[in-house]
Every structure is written in structure tokens, then in C-alpha cells.
Amino acid sequence: MKTASFEGKVAIVTGGGRGLGHAMTLGLARAGASVVVSAARQTDEVRKVADDINVELGARRVLALQADVTREADCRRLVTEAIAAFGGLHILVNNAGRGMKYVSPTFLTEATRFWEVDSDTWRTIVDTNVNGPFLMAKAAVPHMLRQRWGRVINITMNHETMRRAGFSPYGPSKAALESETVIWAQDLAGTGVTVNGLLPGGATDTGMIPDGVPDAVRRQLLRPEVVVEPLLWLASEASVDITGARLNAARWDSALPAEQAAAAALENAGWANQGSR
């Protein structure tokens, strides 16, 4: 696939220290974008991501910042510092999230029923996965509206996982994010700002997977890089007519022209007419 140039474009990728966030930050920077990458904790990881990419590209393409997306002041600061550092903001990737390993390190083999989940853990996961994207979009979208161009990309997951037994509150939090995606896209219709979801399309080898998973199982997981080409298409001019949808990266065929690959990977967001998907 021929990659669009993102020279002059500025992106924020939340939760970019590892996994999907790391892969997407690298993909955007290699395509020419300037990227602010954030982490709520593990700031040494995002700093290393930024340093490694900047050395590879021989330019200051990536700026690492500490920010907790559950704090509105941190979200506003991310946007302000992105604009101050790179002169604008065009792309927001809401990737920061907390998964089931915070409920139980054995969630893949031993289900935790919803009434057994620690209440504070429930609140933390929902706060990060639902309120975090809202607070980031609330901070970023006004700037995008002024320039009449923007891309908000929410990292979601398979509908089956949203309904999987023992996956509270991770599944419900991503279902809420899907609803946010659809509603925000309608709110922004005709403004030049689009909102879409992007999912790897299967279990992915990221920080969401607990330590100790057998090597045979880990080898079957998708690589985080699976999302990079679909992300670049969603973030580009080519996706101008696509909003309120979701792109399944596992269905993206890199051998096809981008328009055909996107057509095969696009799914309707929301719950209408989804069948058993």
C-alpha cells in the first residue's frame, strides 16, 4: 500500500508506551506526522519510544508527555502542548485503556463474575476507557472545528468480546466507547471532523495480555503492527467520507489498493444489524 504523506499533520496517541500505541506512534511518525505520545504512568516507556523514533528518523518527530486521560486538566494540557510544540493538532488516537488483567491476572482461564469485581477496579477501568476518550475529544475537537479538519480514532474491539462472559467491566466499557463513536460522529457531521473506531480484529500481543501466558498461545496473537495501515488510512484525506464506522484491521489486505482494503475492512459501528458478529 502506498502510504499517504502526513507532513504538516500533528497527532496525539494516548497510551503509547507499548503495544498498539507504540506501533501507531511509529507508523504515524514514519509517515511524516509529528506525534505527542502520552502515558499515565510508565513515563520511561513513552520517553524511550520518543527517543528511539527520533533517532531513527533523524528529526524530532515525537514528544513524550505524562498525562492521565481521566484528568481533564491533563487532557487539556496534552492538546495545548501538542499545538505549542508542533503548531497544530489534526489527529487524536484514543488508545489509552485498562483491560481485564486489572480485574484478575488469570482472566483468560478463570472468569470473574461481575459481582466479584472489586468496585474500585471497576471504576478505574470505566473511567479510563469511557471518560478518558470523552475528555480527550472534548479538549481536542474545538481546535479541529476551527480548522474544519480533524480525525478522532477510538481504539475498540470485537463485538464478541464486549459480550464475553466474565469480561466485566472491560466489555461494557468498550461497548460504551462504541456508542460514543457513533454519537460523536453524528454531532460532528458536516464539520470536516470525523470519528471512527479501529480494532485489531482479534486477541493482540499487547500489555493487556498478562505475564505468564504460554508461548504457544502468545504466538497465535496478532502483532500490534496489524493496525498501522488501517490507522493511516483513517487518519488521511482518503477517509473524508467515512464517519461513525469501525475498521477491522484483521480484514485489511495490504496487497489490495487502499480503497479496496478499506472497503473490505469497514464495519458499521453500533449494534444495529450486527447479527452475531
Protein backbone atom coordinates (compact mmCIF):
# COMPACT_ATOMS: atom_id res chain seq x y z
CA MET A 1 0.00 0.00 0.00
CA LYS A 2 1.29 3.45 -0.85
CA THR A 3 1.33 5.43 2.39
CA ALA A 4 -0.12 8.93 2.38
CA SER A 5 2.21 11.70 3.48
CA PHE A 6 1.41 13.21 6.86
CA GLU A 7 3.92 16.05 6.60
CA GLY A 8 2.48 19.01 8.48
CA LYS A 9 -0.04 16.89 10.40
CA VAL A 10 0.09 16.58 14.19
CA ALA A 11 -1.29 13.63 16.15
CA ILE A 12 -1.84 12.69 19.77
CA VAL A 13 -1.65 9.00 20.67
CA THR A 14 -2.67 8.24 24.25
CA GLY A 15 -1.26 5.18 25.97
CA GLY A 16 1.65 4.95 23.57
CA GLY A 17 4.37 3.27 25.59
CA ARG A 18 3.86 -0.25 24.28
CA GLY A 19 1.68 -2.47 22.12
CA LEU A 20 -0.81 -0.79 19.81
CA GLY A 21 0.13 2.71 20.95
CA HIS A 22 3.81 2.18 20.24
CA ALA A 23 3.06 0.70 16.81
CA MET A 24 0.70 3.53 15.86
CA THR A 25 3.08 6.24 17.06
CA LEU A 26 5.89 4.76 15.00
CA GLY A 27 3.64 4.36 11.95
CA LEU A 28 2.43 7.95 12.07
CA ALA A 29 5.94 9.34 12.60
CA ARG A 30 7.40 7.28 9.75
CA ALA A 31 4.61 8.63 7.52
CA GLY A 32 5.70 12.19 8.33
CA ALA A 33 3.41 13.22 11.19
CA SER A 34 4.56 14.89 14.37
CA VAL A 35 3.24 12.93 17.34
CA VAL A 36 2.64 13.62 21.01
CA VAL A 37 2.60 10.29 22.84
CA SER A 38 1.36 10.01 26.40
CA ALA A 39 1.20 7.63 29.34
CA ALA A 40 -0.43 7.98 32.73
CA ARG A 41 2.40 6.12 34.42
CA GLN A 42 5.42 4.24 32.99
CA THR A 43 6.65 7.54 31.54
CA ASP A 44 10.06 5.98 30.99
CA GLU A 45 8.43 3.78 28.32
CA VAL A 46 6.96 6.65 26.30
CA ARG A 47 10.17 8.62 26.61
CA LYS A 48 12.08 5.66 25.20
CA VAL A 49 9.52 5.36 22.38
CA ALA A 50 10.03 9.03 21.53
CA ASP A 51 13.82 8.87 21.77
CA ASP A 52 14.08 5.72 19.64
CA ILE A 53 11.83 7.08 16.89
CA ASN A 54 13.52 10.47 16.84
CA VAL A 55 16.93 8.79 16.50
CA GLU A 56 15.66 6.51 13.73
CA LEU A 57 14.15 9.40 11.75
CA GLY A 58 16.90 11.88 12.50
CA ALA A 59 14.34 14.50 13.49
CA ARG A 60 12.23 15.48 16.47
CA ARG A 61 9.00 13.85 15.35
CA VAL A 62 7.75 12.54 18.70
CA LEU A 63 7.26 14.28 22.04
CA ALA A 64 6.57 12.15 25.13
CA LEU A 65 4.39 13.56 27.92
CA GLN A 66 2.95 12.25 31.15
CA ALA A 67 -0.82 12.62 31.20
CA ASP A 68 -3.69 10.74 32.83
CA VAL A 69 -6.68 10.78 30.48
CA THR A 70 -9.08 10.54 33.43
CA ARG A 71 -7.99 14.04 34.49
CA GLU A 72 -9.49 16.84 32.44
CA ALA A 73 -6.61 19.21 33.15
CA ASP A 74 -4.12 16.64 31.80
CA CYS A 75 -6.18 16.24 28.62
CA ARG A 76 -6.28 19.98 28.03
CA ARG A 77 -2.53 20.16 28.67
CA LEU A 78 -1.83 17.45 26.09
CA VAL A 79 -3.69 19.43 23.44
CA THR A 80 -2.09 22.73 24.44
CA GLU A 81 1.42 21.26 24.42
CA ALA A 82 0.88 19.49 21.08
CA ILE A 83 -0.11 22.80 19.49
CA ALA A 84 2.76 24.65 21.18
CA ALA A 85 5.36 22.06 20.16
CA PHE A 86 4.26 21.32 16.61
CA GLY A 87 1.92 24.13 15.59
CA GLY A 88 -1.38 22.32 15.38
CA LEU A 89 -3.47 19.23 16.07
CA HIS A 90 -5.18 17.15 13.40
CA ILE A 91 -5.43 13.56 14.65
CA LEU A 92 -6.46 12.15 18.04
CA VAL A 93 -5.99 8.44 18.69
CA ASN A 94 -7.80 7.41 21.87
CA ASN A 95 -5.76 4.32 22.68
CA ALA A 96 -5.17 4.57 26.45
CA GLY A 97 -7.12 1.86 28.21
CA ARG A 98 -7.23 -0.62 31.04
CA GLY A 99 -8.09 -4.25 30.48
CA MET A 100 -9.15 -7.37 32.32
CA LYS A 101 -5.74 -8.08 33.81
CA TYR A 102 -6.57 -5.36 36.37
CA VAL A 103 -9.52 -7.49 37.45
CA SER A 104 -7.59 -10.76 37.57
CA PRO A 105 -4.24 -11.99 36.19
CA THR A 106 -5.94 -15.27 35.28
CA PHE A 107 -8.88 -13.73 33.39
CA LEU A 108 -8.10 -15.75 30.25
CA THR A 109 -8.68 -19.05 32.02
CA GLU A 110 -10.79 -18.21 35.09
CA ALA A 111 -13.80 -15.93 34.64
CA THR A 112 -14.56 -13.32 37.29
CA ARG A 113 -18.31 -12.80 37.61
CA PHE A 114 -19.41 -9.19 37.68
CA TRP A 115 -20.42 -9.16 41.37
CA GLU A 116 -16.95 -10.44 42.27
CA VAL A 117 -15.15 -7.49 40.64
CA ASP A 118 -13.62 -5.01 43.07
CA SER A 119 -15.67 -1.82 42.89
CA ASP A 120 -12.65 0.49 42.72
CA THR A 121 -11.19 -1.60 39.89
CA TRP A 122 -14.50 -1.34 38.03
CA ARG A 123 -14.50 2.45 38.39
CA THR A 124 -10.87 2.74 37.26
CA ILE A 125 -11.43 0.71 34.07
CA VAL A 126 -14.62 2.55 33.16
CA ASP A 127 -13.06 5.92 33.98
CA THR A 128 -10.09 5.24 31.68
CA ASN A 129 -11.91 3.52 28.82
CA VAL A 130 -15.07 5.65 28.69
CA ASN A 131 -14.38 9.00 30.32
CA GLY A 132 -10.80 9.23 29.06
CA PRO A 133 -11.73 9.32 25.34
CA PHE A 134 -14.51 11.82 26.13
CA LEU A 135 -12.17 14.18 27.98
CA MET A 136 -9.53 13.93 25.25
CA ALA A 137 -12.05 14.55 22.47
CA LYS A 138 -13.61 17.41 24.42
CA ALA A 139 -10.19 19.06 24.61
CA ALA A 140 -9.15 18.36 21.00
CA VAL A 141 -12.31 18.81 18.93
CA PRO A 142 -12.76 22.59 19.39
CA HIS A 143 -9.37 23.13 17.75
CA MET A 144 -10.26 20.72 14.94
CA LEU A 145 -13.55 22.54 14.39
CA ARG A 146 -11.75 25.86 13.99
CA GLN A 147 -9.60 24.41 11.20
CA ARG A 148 -12.56 22.41 9.80
CA TRP A 149 -10.46 19.24 9.65
CA GLY A 150 -9.80 16.51 12.14
CA ARG A 151 -9.73 12.78 12.77
CA VAL A 152 -10.77 11.17 16.05
CA ILE A 153 -9.95 7.46 16.13
CA ASN A 154 -11.16 5.37 19.06
CA ILE A 155 -9.47 2.02 19.64
CA THR A 156 -12.16 -0.59 20.17
CA MET A 157 -12.52 -4.37 19.99
CA ASN A 158 -14.60 -7.24 18.63
CA HIS A 159 -18.28 -7.27 19.47
CA GLU A 160 -17.92 -10.85 20.68
CA THR A 161 -15.51 -9.70 23.38
CA MET A 162 -17.94 -7.00 24.51
CA ARG A 163 -20.43 -9.78 25.23
CA ARG A 164 -18.00 -12.39 26.56
CA ALA A 165 -18.87 -13.97 29.92
CA GLY A 166 -16.56 -12.83 32.68
CA PHE A 167 -15.38 -9.71 30.81
CA SER A 168 -16.89 -7.04 33.04
CA PRO A 169 -16.19 -4.20 33.07
CA TYR A 170 -13.84 -4.23 30.05
CA GLY A 171 -16.53 -5.38 27.61
CA PRO A 172 -19.14 -2.87 28.80
CA SER A 173 -16.58 -0.05 28.70
CA LYS A 174 -15.74 -0.73 25.06
CA ALA A 175 -19.45 -1.00 24.20
CA ALA A 176 -19.85 2.47 25.70
CA LEU A 177 -16.91 3.71 23.61
CA GLU A 178 -18.62 2.33 20.52
CA SER A 179 -21.74 4.31 21.38
CA GLU A 180 -19.61 7.42 21.90
CA THR A 181 -18.09 6.92 18.46
CA VAL A 182 -21.47 6.76 16.72
CA ILE A 183 -22.98 9.69 18.59
CA TRP A 184 -19.94 11.94 18.25
CA ALA A 185 -19.80 11.25 14.51
CA GLN A 186 -23.39 12.47 14.20
CA ASP A 187 -22.71 15.52 16.36
CA LEU A 188 -19.77 16.42 14.08
CA ALA A 189 -21.46 15.66 10.74
CA GLY A 190 -20.58 18.23 8.09
CA THR A 191 -17.80 19.88 10.11
CA GLY A 192 -14.80 18.21 8.46
CA VAL A 193 -14.08 16.27 11.66
CA THR A 194 -14.73 12.52 11.56
CA VAL A 195 -14.96 9.96 14.35
CA ASN A 196 -14.33 6.26 13.75
CA GLY A 197 -13.38 3.12 15.62
CA LEU A 198 -10.39 0.90 14.88
CA LEU A 199 -9.93 -2.61 16.23
CA PRO A 200 -7.15 -5.16 15.73
CA GLY A 201 -9.74 -7.84 14.99
CA GLY A 202 -8.60 -10.43 17.50
CA ALA A 203 -6.51 -11.05 20.57
CA THR A 204 -3.33 -8.98 20.22
CA ASP A 205 0.07 -9.24 21.88
CA THR A 206 -0.08 -6.08 23.97
CA GLY A 207 0.18 -5.06 27.60
CA MET A 208 -3.44 -6.18 28.01
CA ILE A 209 -2.18 -9.78 27.98
CA PRO A 210 -0.89 -10.84 31.41
CA ASP A 211 2.57 -12.24 32.00
CA GLY A 212 2.84 -15.99 32.11
CA VAL A 213 0.76 -16.75 29.03
CA PRO A 214 2.24 -19.88 27.39
CA ASP A 215 4.47 -19.21 24.38
CA ALA A 216 2.24 -21.41 22.21
CA VAL A 217 -0.72 -19.13 22.99
CA ARG A 218 1.27 -15.92 22.60
CA ARG A 219 2.47 -16.97 19.14
CA GLN A 220 -1.14 -17.08 17.99
CA LEU A 221 -1.82 -13.48 18.99
CA LEU A 222 -1.97 -10.71 16.41
CA ARG A 223 1.00 -8.37 16.24
CA PRO A 224 0.28 -4.73 17.21
CA GLU A 225 1.52 -3.58 13.79
CA VAL A 226 -1.68 -5.00 12.26
CA VAL A 227 -3.43 -1.69 12.97
CA VAL A 228 -0.90 0.64 11.34
CA GLU A 229 -2.03 0.63 7.70
CA PRO A 230 -5.74 0.93 8.60
CA LEU A 231 -4.89 3.72 11.03
CA LEU A 232 -3.01 5.69 8.39
CA TRP A 233 -5.93 5.36 6.00
CA LEU A 234 -8.46 6.52 8.62
CA ALA A 235 -6.20 9.46 9.51
CA SER A 236 -5.76 10.54 5.89
CA GLU A 237 -7.72 12.60 3.38
CA ALA A 238 -8.87 9.36 1.76
CA SER A 239 -11.33 8.65 4.59
CA VAL A 240 -13.09 12.02 4.36
CA ASP A 241 -16.50 10.41 3.72
CA ILE A 242 -16.19 7.79 6.47
CA THR A 243 -17.50 8.60 9.94
CA GLY A 244 -19.33 6.67 12.63
CA ALA A 245 -17.84 3.40 11.35
CA ARG A 246 -15.27 0.92 12.56
CA LEU A 247 -12.35 -0.59 10.72
CA ASN A 248 -11.38 -4.19 11.46
CA ALA A 249 -7.61 -4.38 10.94
CA ALA A 250 -7.63 -8.18 10.66
CA ARG A 251 -9.70 -7.80 7.48
CA TRP A 252 -7.28 -5.33 5.89
CA ASP A 253 -5.46 -6.85 2.91
CA SER A 254 -2.20 -4.98 2.30
CA ALA A 255 -1.95 -6.48 -1.18
CA LEU A 256 -5.02 -4.51 -2.30
CA PRO A 257 -5.21 -0.81 -3.17
CA ALA A 258 -6.08 1.13 -0.01
CA GLU A 259 -9.64 1.90 -1.11
CA GLN A 260 -10.39 -1.79 -1.68
CA ALA A 261 -8.66 -2.85 1.54
CA ALA A 262 -10.71 -0.30 3.48
CA ALA A 263 -13.97 -1.40 1.87
CA ALA A 264 -13.30 -4.97 2.96
CA ALA A 265 -12.36 -3.94 6.50
CA LEU A 266 -15.13 -1.42 7.21
CA GLU A 267 -17.97 -2.40 9.51
CA ASN A 268 -20.95 -0.46 10.81
CA ALA A 269 -20.43 0.77 14.34
CA GLY A 270 -23.16 0.40 16.91
CA TRP A 271 -25.45 -2.54 17.42
CA ALA A 272 -28.00 -2.32 14.60
CA ASN A 273 -27.95 -5.16 12.08
CA GLN A 274 -24.81 -6.69 13.56
CA GLY A 275 -26.26 -10.17 13.89
CA SER A 276 -23.88 -12.44 15.77
CA ARG A 277 -20.76 -10.52 14.79
